[in-house]
Amino acid sequence: MPFLDFLALRGAAKYTYFLLVIVGALCWTLNVVQTMDPVGVYGNDVFDAVAYRWGFVANKLNLLISWAVVYPIVGYLLVAMSFSTWFILRRVERLEMLEPTVLHPDGCYGFENLGLLNVALLWPYVVTFGVMYALELTHEVSYLSLIIPMVILAIVCLVVGIVTIHPISAHARRIHKRTYSSLLTDKRGDEG
């Protein structure tokens, strides 16, 4: 099954992971270049500028491990979790294993927990966006190496939020339409 191969990082899935590693390494390289002349880039000196040898070495090692090792793993797993959730919900929806209840007390046809699942999947993206936004606020100068990832992260967050839960919302709309049509047909039958 191709989906399980993706989760196990086999086949073409390896290239997705390697792409994330390459992007992380490129971001690290850009940071190294920017801290060669921090005043020209950021408008102020920074603790990890090349002028501060130990701060430079320690933080660059930290950033290399974070951006080229940890973030690609976490990013891949977040994408895999979202894809897994979509795949499972799509399968459940196709097998018609979900029966929405119009009068369910949660007001969501009994699907409230699925909405909470979607929110839980989005939290890592939202927290990461918050950290990036805080970094943007702390710097006096806006720079593209932070703005571009924020825009990409916002787009990914929106896509994940919509696509992951789409099978259930589409199913609920079909059930709603079917129920409404049934009620309309019953009403016409009663009038006749």
N, C-alpha and C. Protein backbone atom coordinates (compact mmCIF):
# COMPACT_ATOMS: atom_id res chain seq x y z
N MET A 1 0.85 -1.18 0.00
CA MET A 1 0.00 0.00 0.00
C MET A 1 0.90 1.25 0.00
N PRO A 2 0.76 2.14 -0.96
CA PRO A 2 1.63 3.32 -1.08
C PRO A 2 1.61 4.20 0.17
N PHE A 3 0.47 4.28 0.81
CA PHE A 3 0.35 5.12 2.00
C PHE A 3 1.27 4.65 3.11
N LEU A 4 1.32 3.33 3.33
CA LEU A 4 2.19 2.78 4.37
C LEU A 4 3.66 2.96 4.02
N ASP A 5 3.96 2.90 2.73
CA ASP A 5 5.33 3.17 2.30
C ASP A 5 5.72 4.61 2.61
N PHE A 6 4.78 5.53 2.42
CA PHE A 6 5.03 6.93 2.74
C PHE A 6 5.33 7.09 4.23
N LEU A 7 4.53 6.45 5.07
CA LEU A 7 4.74 6.54 6.52
C LEU A 7 6.06 5.92 6.94
N ALA A 8 6.47 4.86 6.25
CA ALA A 8 7.71 4.16 6.59
C ALA A 8 8.93 4.80 5.92
N LEU A 9 8.72 5.89 5.23
CA LEU A 9 9.80 6.62 4.56
C LEU A 9 10.48 5.76 3.49
N ARG A 10 9.67 5.02 2.74
CA ARG A 10 10.19 4.20 1.65
C ARG A 10 9.77 4.80 0.32
N GLY A 11 10.53 4.46 -0.70
CA GLY A 11 10.20 4.91 -2.05
C GLY A 11 10.36 6.42 -2.20
N ALA A 12 9.40 7.03 -2.86
CA ALA A 12 9.45 8.47 -3.15
C ALA A 12 9.36 9.32 -1.88
N ALA A 13 8.86 8.75 -0.80
CA ALA A 13 8.74 9.51 0.45
C ALA A 13 10.10 9.97 0.95
N LYS A 14 11.15 9.22 0.66
CA LYS A 14 12.51 9.62 1.07
C LYS A 14 12.86 10.98 0.49
N TYR A 15 12.41 11.23 -0.74
CA TYR A 15 12.74 12.50 -1.39
C TYR A 15 12.05 13.66 -0.70
N THR A 16 10.85 13.43 -0.19
CA THR A 16 10.16 14.47 0.57
C THR A 16 10.97 14.83 1.81
N TYR A 17 11.42 13.80 2.50
CA TYR A 17 12.22 14.03 3.71
C TYR A 17 13.54 14.72 3.37
N PHE A 18 14.22 14.24 2.32
CA PHE A 18 15.49 14.85 1.93
C PHE A 18 15.30 16.29 1.48
N LEU A 19 14.20 16.59 0.85
CA LEU A 19 13.90 17.97 0.48
C LEU A 19 13.80 18.84 1.73
N LEU A 20 13.15 18.34 2.78
CA LEU A 20 13.05 19.09 4.03
C LEU A 20 14.44 19.30 4.65
N VAL A 21 15.29 18.28 4.58
CA VAL A 21 16.66 18.40 5.11
C VAL A 21 17.44 19.45 4.31
N ILE A 22 17.29 19.43 3.00
CA ILE A 22 18.01 20.40 2.14
C ILE A 22 17.53 21.82 2.43
N VAL A 23 16.22 22.00 2.56
CA VAL A 23 15.69 23.33 2.89
C VAL A 23 16.24 23.79 4.23
N GLY A 24 16.28 22.91 5.22
CA GLY A 24 16.83 23.26 6.53
C GLY A 24 18.30 23.64 6.44
N ALA A 25 19.07 22.88 5.65
CA ALA A 25 20.50 23.19 5.48
C ALA A 25 20.69 24.52 4.76
N LEU A 26 19.84 24.80 3.79
CA LEU A 26 19.93 26.09 3.08
C LEU A 26 19.58 27.25 4.02
N CYS A 27 18.59 27.06 4.86
CA CYS A 27 18.23 28.10 5.84
C CYS A 27 19.39 28.34 6.81
N TRP A 28 20.04 27.25 7.22
CA TRP A 28 21.18 27.36 8.11
C TRP A 28 22.31 28.14 7.43
N THR A 29 22.56 27.81 6.17
CA THR A 29 23.61 28.50 5.42
C THR A 29 23.29 29.99 5.30
N LEU A 30 22.04 30.31 5.03
CA LEU A 30 21.63 31.71 4.94
C LEU A 30 21.87 32.41 6.27
N ASN A 31 21.56 31.75 7.38
CA ASN A 31 21.77 32.34 8.70
C ASN A 31 23.26 32.59 8.95
N VAL A 32 24.10 31.65 8.54
CA VAL A 32 25.55 31.84 8.70
C VAL A 32 26.00 33.08 7.93
N VAL A 33 25.53 33.20 6.70
CA VAL A 33 25.90 34.35 5.87
C VAL A 33 25.39 35.65 6.50
N GLN A 34 24.15 35.63 7.01
CA GLN A 34 23.58 36.84 7.60
C GLN A 34 24.33 37.27 8.85
N THR A 35 24.83 36.31 9.64
CA THR A 35 25.54 36.68 10.88
C THR A 35 27.01 37.02 10.63
N MET A 36 27.43 36.96 9.38
CA MET A 36 28.77 37.45 9.06
C MET A 36 28.79 38.98 9.16
N ASP A 37 27.68 39.61 8.78
CA ASP A 37 27.54 41.06 8.88
C ASP A 37 26.15 41.37 9.45
N PRO A 38 25.94 41.13 10.75
CA PRO A 38 24.60 41.29 11.31
C PRO A 38 24.09 42.73 11.29
N VAL A 39 24.98 43.69 11.44
CA VAL A 39 24.54 45.08 11.45
C VAL A 39 23.97 45.46 10.09
N GLY A 40 24.60 45.00 9.02
CA GLY A 40 24.11 45.28 7.67
C GLY A 40 22.79 44.57 7.37
N VAL A 41 22.58 43.39 7.96
CA VAL A 41 21.38 42.60 7.69
C VAL A 41 20.25 42.96 8.64
N TYR A 42 20.55 42.93 9.96
CA TYR A 42 19.51 43.12 10.97
C TYR A 42 19.42 44.55 11.49
N GLY A 43 20.46 45.32 11.27
CA GLY A 43 20.46 46.69 11.79
C GLY A 43 21.05 46.78 13.18
N ASN A 44 21.50 45.66 13.75
CA ASN A 44 22.12 45.65 15.06
C ASN A 44 23.02 44.42 15.17
N ASP A 45 23.86 44.42 16.18
CA ASP A 45 24.75 43.29 16.41
C ASP A 45 23.96 42.17 17.08
N VAL A 46 24.42 40.92 16.90
CA VAL A 46 23.74 39.77 17.50
C VAL A 46 24.77 38.91 18.24
N PHE A 47 24.31 38.15 19.22
CA PHE A 47 25.22 37.35 20.05
C PHE A 47 25.91 36.23 19.28
N ASP A 48 25.32 35.81 18.17
CA ASP A 48 25.93 34.71 17.42
C ASP A 48 26.60 35.19 16.14
N ALA A 49 27.02 36.45 16.15
CA ALA A 49 27.76 36.98 15.00
C ALA A 49 29.16 36.36 15.00
N VAL A 50 29.79 36.37 13.85
CA VAL A 50 31.11 35.77 13.70
C VAL A 50 32.14 36.45 14.61
N ALA A 51 31.88 37.69 15.00
CA ALA A 51 32.79 38.40 15.89
C ALA A 51 32.84 37.77 17.28
N TYR A 52 31.82 37.06 17.68
CA TYR A 52 31.75 36.40 18.98
C TYR A 52 31.91 34.90 18.75
N ARG A 53 33.15 34.47 18.64
CA ARG A 53 33.49 33.13 18.19
C ARG A 53 32.70 32.02 18.86
N TRP A 54 32.66 31.97 20.18
CA TRP A 54 31.99 30.86 20.87
C TRP A 54 30.47 30.93 20.74
N GLY A 55 29.93 32.12 20.77
CA GLY A 55 28.49 32.26 20.54
C GLY A 55 28.13 31.84 19.12
N PHE A 56 29.00 32.20 18.18
CA PHE A 56 28.79 31.83 16.77
C PHE A 56 28.82 30.32 16.61
N VAL A 57 29.86 29.68 17.14
CA VAL A 57 30.02 28.22 16.98
C VAL A 57 28.87 27.49 17.68
N ALA A 58 28.58 27.86 18.92
CA ALA A 58 27.53 27.16 19.69
C ALA A 58 26.17 27.31 19.03
N ASN A 59 25.81 28.53 18.63
CA ASN A 59 24.48 28.72 18.05
C ASN A 59 24.38 28.13 16.64
N LYS A 60 25.45 28.18 15.87
CA LYS A 60 25.39 27.59 14.53
C LYS A 60 25.25 26.08 14.62
N LEU A 61 25.91 25.44 15.59
CA LEU A 61 25.75 24.01 15.80
C LEU A 61 24.31 23.70 16.23
N ASN A 62 23.78 24.52 17.13
CA ASN A 62 22.39 24.37 17.57
C ASN A 62 21.44 24.51 16.40
N LEU A 63 21.63 25.53 15.57
CA LEU A 63 20.75 25.75 14.43
C LEU A 63 20.89 24.66 13.38
N LEU A 64 22.10 24.16 13.16
CA LEU A 64 22.29 23.09 12.19
C LEU A 64 21.52 21.84 12.62
N ILE A 65 21.65 21.47 13.88
CA ILE A 65 20.94 20.29 14.39
C ILE A 65 19.43 20.53 14.34
N SER A 66 19.00 21.73 14.73
CA SER A 66 17.56 22.04 14.73
C SER A 66 16.99 22.02 13.32
N TRP A 67 17.61 22.79 12.42
CA TRP A 67 17.04 23.00 11.09
C TRP A 67 17.26 21.85 10.12
N ALA A 68 18.39 21.14 10.26
CA ALA A 68 18.69 20.09 9.29
C ALA A 68 18.41 18.67 9.81
N VAL A 69 18.14 18.55 11.12
CA VAL A 69 17.85 17.22 11.67
C VAL A 69 16.47 17.19 12.31
N VAL A 70 16.25 18.01 13.33
CA VAL A 70 15.01 17.94 14.12
C VAL A 70 13.80 18.44 13.32
N TYR A 71 13.87 19.64 12.76
CA TYR A 71 12.71 20.20 12.05
C TYR A 71 12.26 19.34 10.86
N PRO A 72 13.19 18.80 10.05
CA PRO A 72 12.72 17.92 8.97
C PRO A 72 11.97 16.68 9.48
N ILE A 73 12.45 16.10 10.58
CA ILE A 73 11.76 14.93 11.15
C ILE A 73 10.37 15.34 11.63
N VAL A 74 10.31 16.43 12.39
CA VAL A 74 9.02 16.90 12.91
C VAL A 74 8.09 17.30 11.76
N GLY A 75 8.62 18.03 10.78
CA GLY A 75 7.81 18.44 9.63
C GLY A 75 7.27 17.24 8.87
N TYR A 76 8.11 16.25 8.66
CA TYR A 76 7.68 15.05 7.95
C TYR A 76 6.58 14.33 8.74
N LEU A 77 6.77 14.21 10.04
CA LEU A 77 5.77 13.54 10.88
C LEU A 77 4.45 14.31 10.91
N LEU A 78 4.53 15.64 10.93
CA LEU A 78 3.29 16.44 10.91
C LEU A 78 2.54 16.23 9.61
N VAL A 79 3.26 16.23 8.50
CA VAL A 79 2.62 15.98 7.21
C VAL A 79 2.06 14.56 7.18
N ALA A 80 2.82 13.59 7.70
CA ALA A 80 2.36 12.20 7.72
C ALA A 80 1.11 12.05 8.60
N MET A 81 1.09 12.73 9.75
CA MET A 81 -0.10 12.65 10.62
C MET A 81 -1.32 13.24 9.93
N SER A 82 -1.15 14.37 9.29
CA SER A 82 -2.27 14.99 8.59
C SER A 82 -2.74 14.10 7.45
N PHE A 83 -1.80 13.57 6.69
CA PHE A 83 -2.13 12.68 5.58
C PHE A 83 -2.81 11.41 6.09
N SER A 84 -2.30 10.86 7.20
CA SER A 84 -2.89 9.67 7.81
C SER A 84 -4.32 9.93 8.24
N THR A 85 -4.53 11.06 8.88
CA THR A 85 -5.88 11.41 9.33
C THR A 85 -6.82 11.55 8.14
N TRP A 86 -6.36 12.23 7.09
CA TRP A 86 -7.18 12.39 5.89
C TRP A 86 -7.51 11.02 5.29
N PHE A 87 -6.49 10.16 5.18
CA PHE A 87 -6.66 8.85 4.58
C PHE A 87 -7.67 8.01 5.39
N ILE A 88 -7.53 8.01 6.70
CA ILE A 88 -8.44 7.23 7.56
C ILE A 88 -9.86 7.77 7.47
N LEU A 89 -10.00 9.09 7.56
CA LEU A 89 -11.34 9.67 7.49
C LEU A 89 -11.97 9.44 6.13
N ARG A 90 -11.17 9.49 5.09
CA ARG A 90 -11.68 9.24 3.74
C ARG A 90 -12.19 7.80 3.62
N ARG A 91 -11.41 6.88 4.16
CA ARG A 91 -11.80 5.47 4.13
C ARG A 91 -13.07 5.23 4.95
N VAL A 92 -13.13 5.80 6.12
CA VAL A 92 -14.32 5.67 6.99
C VAL A 92 -15.54 6.25 6.29
N GLU A 93 -15.35 7.37 5.62
CA GLU A 93 -16.45 8.03 4.91
C GLU A 93 -16.92 7.18 3.73
N ARG A 94 -15.98 6.62 2.96
CA ARG A 94 -16.35 5.77 1.82
C ARG A 94 -17.10 4.51 2.24
N LEU A 95 -16.69 3.95 3.39
CA LEU A 95 -17.36 2.75 3.89
C LEU A 95 -18.66 3.09 4.63
N GLU A 96 -18.96 4.37 4.68
CA GLU A 96 -20.16 4.88 5.35
C GLU A 96 -20.27 4.35 6.78
N MET A 97 -19.15 4.42 7.49
CA MET A 97 -19.11 3.97 8.88
C MET A 97 -19.57 5.05 9.84
N LEU A 98 -19.68 6.26 9.35
CA LEU A 98 -20.10 7.37 10.20
C LEU A 98 -21.57 7.70 9.94
N GLU A 99 -22.30 7.78 10.96
CA GLU A 99 -23.70 8.17 10.85
C GLU A 99 -23.92 9.42 11.69
N PRO A 100 -24.01 10.55 11.06
CA PRO A 100 -24.26 11.76 11.82
C PRO A 100 -25.66 11.73 12.43
N THR A 101 -25.76 12.31 13.60
CA THR A 101 -27.03 12.40 14.30
C THR A 101 -27.42 13.87 14.35
N VAL A 102 -28.48 14.22 13.66
CA VAL A 102 -28.89 15.62 13.55
C VAL A 102 -29.15 16.23 14.92
N LEU A 103 -29.72 15.49 15.82
CA LEU A 103 -30.08 16.02 17.14
C LEU A 103 -29.02 15.74 18.20
N HIS A 104 -27.80 15.43 17.80
CA HIS A 104 -26.74 15.16 18.78
C HIS A 104 -26.49 16.40 19.63
N PRO A 105 -26.30 16.22 20.94
CA PRO A 105 -26.12 17.39 21.83
C PRO A 105 -24.89 18.25 21.55
N ASP A 106 -23.89 17.72 20.84
CA ASP A 106 -22.70 18.54 20.58
C ASP A 106 -22.96 19.59 19.51
N GLY A 107 -24.09 19.51 18.81
CA GLY A 107 -24.43 20.49 17.78
C GLY A 107 -23.60 20.33 16.52
N CYS A 108 -22.83 19.25 16.42
CA CYS A 108 -21.96 19.00 15.28
C CYS A 108 -22.25 17.63 14.67
N TYR A 109 -23.49 17.20 14.76
CA TYR A 109 -23.91 15.89 14.23
C TYR A 109 -23.15 14.73 14.89
N GLY A 110 -22.58 14.96 16.05
CA GLY A 110 -21.80 13.92 16.73
C GLY A 110 -20.35 13.88 16.29
N PHE A 111 -19.92 14.87 15.51
CA PHE A 111 -18.55 14.90 14.99
C PHE A 111 -17.66 15.90 15.71
N GLU A 112 -18.06 16.35 16.89
CA GLU A 112 -17.28 17.35 17.61
C GLU A 112 -15.84 16.89 17.82
N ASN A 113 -15.65 15.63 18.19
CA ASN A 113 -14.30 15.14 18.46
C ASN A 113 -13.43 15.13 17.20
N LEU A 114 -14.03 14.97 16.04
CA LEU A 114 -13.25 15.03 14.81
C LEU A 114 -12.76 16.45 14.56
N GLY A 115 -13.58 17.43 14.91
CA GLY A 115 -13.14 18.82 14.81
C GLY A 115 -12.01 19.11 15.79
N LEU A 116 -12.12 18.54 16.99
CA LEU A 116 -11.05 18.71 17.98
C LEU A 116 -9.76 18.03 17.51
N LEU A 117 -9.90 16.91 16.82
CA LEU A 117 -8.73 16.24 16.26
C LEU A 117 -8.04 17.15 15.25
N ASN A 118 -8.81 17.81 14.42
CA ASN A 118 -8.25 18.73 13.44
C ASN A 118 -7.51 19.87 14.12
N VAL A 119 -8.11 20.41 15.17
CA VAL A 119 -7.46 21.49 15.92
C VAL A 119 -6.16 20.99 16.53
N ALA A 120 -6.17 19.77 17.07
CA ALA A 120 -4.96 19.20 17.66
C ALA A 120 -3.85 19.06 16.62
N LEU A 121 -4.22 18.69 15.39
CA LEU A 121 -3.22 18.58 14.32
C LEU A 121 -2.65 19.94 13.94
N LEU A 122 -3.41 20.99 14.14
CA LEU A 122 -2.96 22.33 13.75
C LEU A 122 -2.10 23.01 14.80
N TRP A 123 -2.17 22.57 16.06
CA TRP A 123 -1.42 23.25 17.12
C TRP A 123 0.07 23.39 16.85
N PRO A 124 0.77 22.34 16.40
CA PRO A 124 2.21 22.53 16.13
C PRO A 124 2.49 23.63 15.11
N TYR A 125 1.64 23.74 14.09
CA TYR A 125 1.81 24.80 13.09
C TYR A 125 1.57 26.18 13.72
N VAL A 126 0.54 26.27 14.53
CA VAL A 126 0.20 27.56 15.16
C VAL A 126 1.30 27.99 16.12
N VAL A 127 1.82 27.06 16.92
CA VAL A 127 2.90 27.39 17.86
C VAL A 127 4.14 27.84 17.09
N THR A 128 4.48 27.12 16.04
CA THR A 128 5.65 27.50 15.23
C THR A 128 5.45 28.88 14.61
N PHE A 129 4.25 29.13 14.11
CA PHE A 129 3.96 30.45 13.55
C PHE A 129 4.09 31.53 14.63
N GLY A 130 3.62 31.24 15.84
CA GLY A 130 3.74 32.19 16.95
C GLY A 130 5.18 32.51 17.28
N VAL A 131 6.03 31.50 17.28
CA VAL A 131 7.46 31.72 17.55
C VAL A 131 8.07 32.58 16.45
N MET A 132 7.75 32.29 15.21
CA MET A 132 8.28 33.07 14.10
C MET A 132 7.78 34.52 14.15
N TYR A 133 6.53 34.69 14.53
CA TYR A 133 5.97 36.03 14.64
C TYR A 133 6.66 36.80 15.77
N ALA A 134 6.93 36.12 16.88
CA ALA A 134 7.65 36.76 17.99
C ALA A 134 9.04 37.18 17.55
N LEU A 135 9.71 36.34 16.75
CA LEU A 135 11.02 36.72 16.21
C LEU A 135 10.90 37.95 15.32
N GLU A 136 9.85 37.99 14.52
CA GLU A 136 9.63 39.14 13.65
C GLU A 136 9.44 40.41 14.47
N LEU A 137 8.73 40.31 15.59
CA LEU A 137 8.49 41.48 16.45
C LEU A 137 9.76 41.95 17.14
N THR A 138 10.67 41.02 17.47
CA THR A 138 11.87 41.41 18.20
C THR A 138 12.94 42.06 17.33
N HIS A 139 12.84 41.88 16.02
CA HIS A 139 13.81 42.51 15.12
C HIS A 139 13.22 43.82 14.59
N GLU A 140 14.06 44.81 14.52
CA GLU A 140 13.60 46.11 14.05
C GLU A 140 13.41 46.14 12.54
N VAL A 141 14.08 45.25 11.85
CA VAL A 141 14.03 45.21 10.39
C VAL A 141 13.38 43.89 9.98
N SER A 142 12.41 43.97 9.09
CA SER A 142 11.81 42.74 8.55
C SER A 142 12.74 42.19 7.49
N TYR A 143 12.96 40.88 7.52
CA TYR A 143 13.82 40.29 6.51
C TYR A 143 13.15 39.06 5.92
N LEU A 144 13.42 38.84 4.65
CA LEU A 144 12.73 37.81 3.88
C LEU A 144 12.95 36.40 4.40
N SER A 145 14.09 36.14 5.05
CA SER A 145 14.35 34.79 5.53
C SER A 145 13.43 34.40 6.68
N LEU A 146 12.68 35.34 7.20
CA LEU A 146 11.67 35.03 8.22
C LEU A 146 10.26 35.21 7.66
N ILE A 147 10.06 36.20 6.82
CA ILE A 147 8.73 36.47 6.27
C ILE A 147 8.28 35.35 5.33
N ILE A 148 9.16 34.88 4.46
CA ILE A 148 8.80 33.83 3.50
C ILE A 148 8.39 32.54 4.23
N PRO A 149 9.17 32.06 5.22
CA PRO A 149 8.71 30.87 5.94
C PRO A 149 7.38 31.08 6.68
N MET A 150 7.14 32.29 7.18
CA MET A 150 5.87 32.57 7.85
C MET A 150 4.70 32.46 6.87
N VAL A 151 4.88 32.98 5.67
CA VAL A 151 3.83 32.90 4.66
C VAL A 151 3.60 31.45 4.26
N ILE A 152 4.68 30.72 4.03
CA ILE A 152 4.55 29.30 3.66
C ILE A 152 3.88 28.52 4.77
N LEU A 153 4.27 28.77 6.02
CA LEU A 153 3.67 28.07 7.16
C LEU A 153 2.19 28.40 7.29
N ALA A 154 1.81 29.63 7.06
CA ALA A 154 0.39 30.01 7.11
C ALA A 154 -0.40 29.27 6.04
N ILE A 155 0.16 29.18 4.84
CA ILE A 155 -0.52 28.47 3.75
C ILE A 155 -0.65 26.98 4.09
N VAL A 156 0.44 26.38 4.57
CA VAL A 156 0.40 24.96 4.95
C VAL A 156 -0.63 24.72 6.04
N CYS A 157 -0.68 25.61 7.01
CA CYS A 157 -1.64 25.48 8.12
C CYS A 157 -3.07 25.52 7.60
N LEU A 158 -3.36 26.45 6.71
CA LEU A 158 -4.70 26.54 6.14
C LEU A 158 -5.04 25.31 5.31
N VAL A 159 -4.11 24.87 4.49
CA VAL A 159 -4.36 23.69 3.66
C VAL A 159 -4.59 22.46 4.53
N VAL A 160 -3.75 22.26 5.52
CA VAL A 160 -3.90 21.11 6.42
C VAL A 160 -5.23 21.18 7.15
N GLY A 161 -5.58 22.36 7.63
CA GLY A 161 -6.84 22.52 8.36
C GLY A 161 -8.06 22.21 7.52
N ILE A 162 -8.00 22.55 6.26
CA ILE A 162 -9.15 22.32 5.37
C ILE A 162 -9.15 20.90 4.82
N VAL A 163 -8.02 20.47 4.29
CA VAL A 163 -7.94 19.18 3.61
C VAL A 163 -8.12 18.01 4.58
N THR A 164 -7.51 18.08 5.75
CA THR A 164 -7.56 16.96 6.69
C THR A 164 -8.98 16.60 7.07
N ILE A 165 -9.79 17.58 7.34
CA ILE A 165 -11.15 17.32 7.83
C ILE A 165 -12.18 17.29 6.69
N HIS A 166 -11.74 17.56 5.46
CA HIS A 166 -12.66 17.62 4.33
C HIS A 166 -13.54 16.39 4.15
N PRO A 167 -13.02 15.16 4.28
CA PRO A 167 -13.91 13.99 4.09
C PRO A 167 -15.12 14.01 5.03
N ILE A 168 -14.90 14.44 6.26
CA ILE A 168 -16.00 14.44 7.22
C ILE A 168 -16.97 15.58 6.93
N SER A 169 -16.46 16.75 6.61
CA SER A 169 -17.37 17.87 6.33
C SER A 169 -18.18 17.59 5.06
N ALA A 170 -17.55 16.96 4.05
CA ALA A 170 -18.27 16.61 2.83
C ALA A 170 -19.34 15.56 3.13
N HIS A 171 -19.00 14.60 3.97
CA HIS A 171 -19.96 13.56 4.37
C HIS A 171 -21.13 14.19 5.12
N ALA A 172 -20.83 15.09 6.05
CA ALA A 172 -21.89 15.74 6.82
C ALA A 172 -22.80 16.57 5.91
N ARG A 173 -22.23 17.24 4.91
CA ARG A 173 -23.05 18.01 3.97
C ARG A 173 -23.98 17.10 3.17
N ARG A 174 -23.44 15.95 2.72
CA ARG A 174 -24.28 15.01 1.97
C ARG A 174 -25.42 14.47 2.85
N ILE A 175 -25.11 14.13 4.09
CA ILE A 175 -26.14 13.63 5.01
C ILE A 175 -27.17 14.72 5.29
N HIS A 176 -26.70 15.94 5.47
CA HIS A 176 -27.60 17.07 5.71
C HIS A 176 -28.54 17.26 4.52
N LYS A 177 -27.97 17.22 3.31
CA LYS A 177 -28.77 17.39 2.10
C LYS A 177 -29.77 16.24 1.95
N ARG A 178 -29.30 15.01 2.20
CA ARG A 178 -30.17 13.85 2.10
C ARG A 178 -31.31 13.93 3.12
N THR A 179 -30.98 14.33 4.35
CA THR A 179 -31.99 14.45 5.40
C THR A 179 -33.00 15.54 5.05
N TYR A 180 -32.49 16.67 4.58
CA TYR A 180 -33.37 17.78 4.20
C TYR A 180 -34.30 17.35 3.05
N SER A 181 -33.72 16.66 2.04
CA SER A 181 -34.55 16.18 0.91
C SER A 181 -35.60 15.19 1.39
N SER A 182 -35.23 14.33 2.31
CA SER A 182 -36.16 13.35 2.86
C SER A 182 -37.30 14.04 3.60
N LEU A 183 -36.94 15.04 4.39
CA LEU A 183 -37.97 15.79 5.12
C LEU A 183 -38.89 16.53 4.15
N LEU A 184 -38.34 17.08 3.10
CA LEU A 184 -39.12 17.79 2.09
C LEU A 184 -40.07 16.83 1.38
N THR A 185 -39.57 15.64 1.03
CA THR A 185 -40.39 14.63 0.37
C THR A 185 -41.51 14.17 1.31
N ASP A 186 -41.20 13.95 2.58
CA ASP A 186 -42.20 13.54 3.57
C ASP A 186 -43.27 14.61 3.73
N LYS A 187 -42.86 15.88 3.71
CA LYS A 187 -43.81 16.97 3.87
C LYS A 187 -44.76 17.05 2.68
N ARG A 188 -44.20 16.88 1.46
CA ARG A 188 -45.04 16.90 0.27
C ARG A 188 -46.02 15.74 0.27
N GLY A 189 -45.55 14.57 0.77
CA GLY A 189 -46.42 13.40 0.84
C GLY A 189 -47.56 13.61 1.83
N ASP A 190 -47.28 14.33 2.92
CA ASP A 190 -48.31 14.60 3.93
C ASP A 190 -49.34 15.59 3.40
N GLU A 191 -48.91 16.52 2.55
CA GLU A 191 -49.82 17.54 2.01
C GLU A 191 -50.75 16.95 0.94
N GLY A 192 -50.29 15.87 0.28
CA GLY A 192 -51.05 15.30 -0.84
C GLY A 192 -52.14 14.42 -0.43
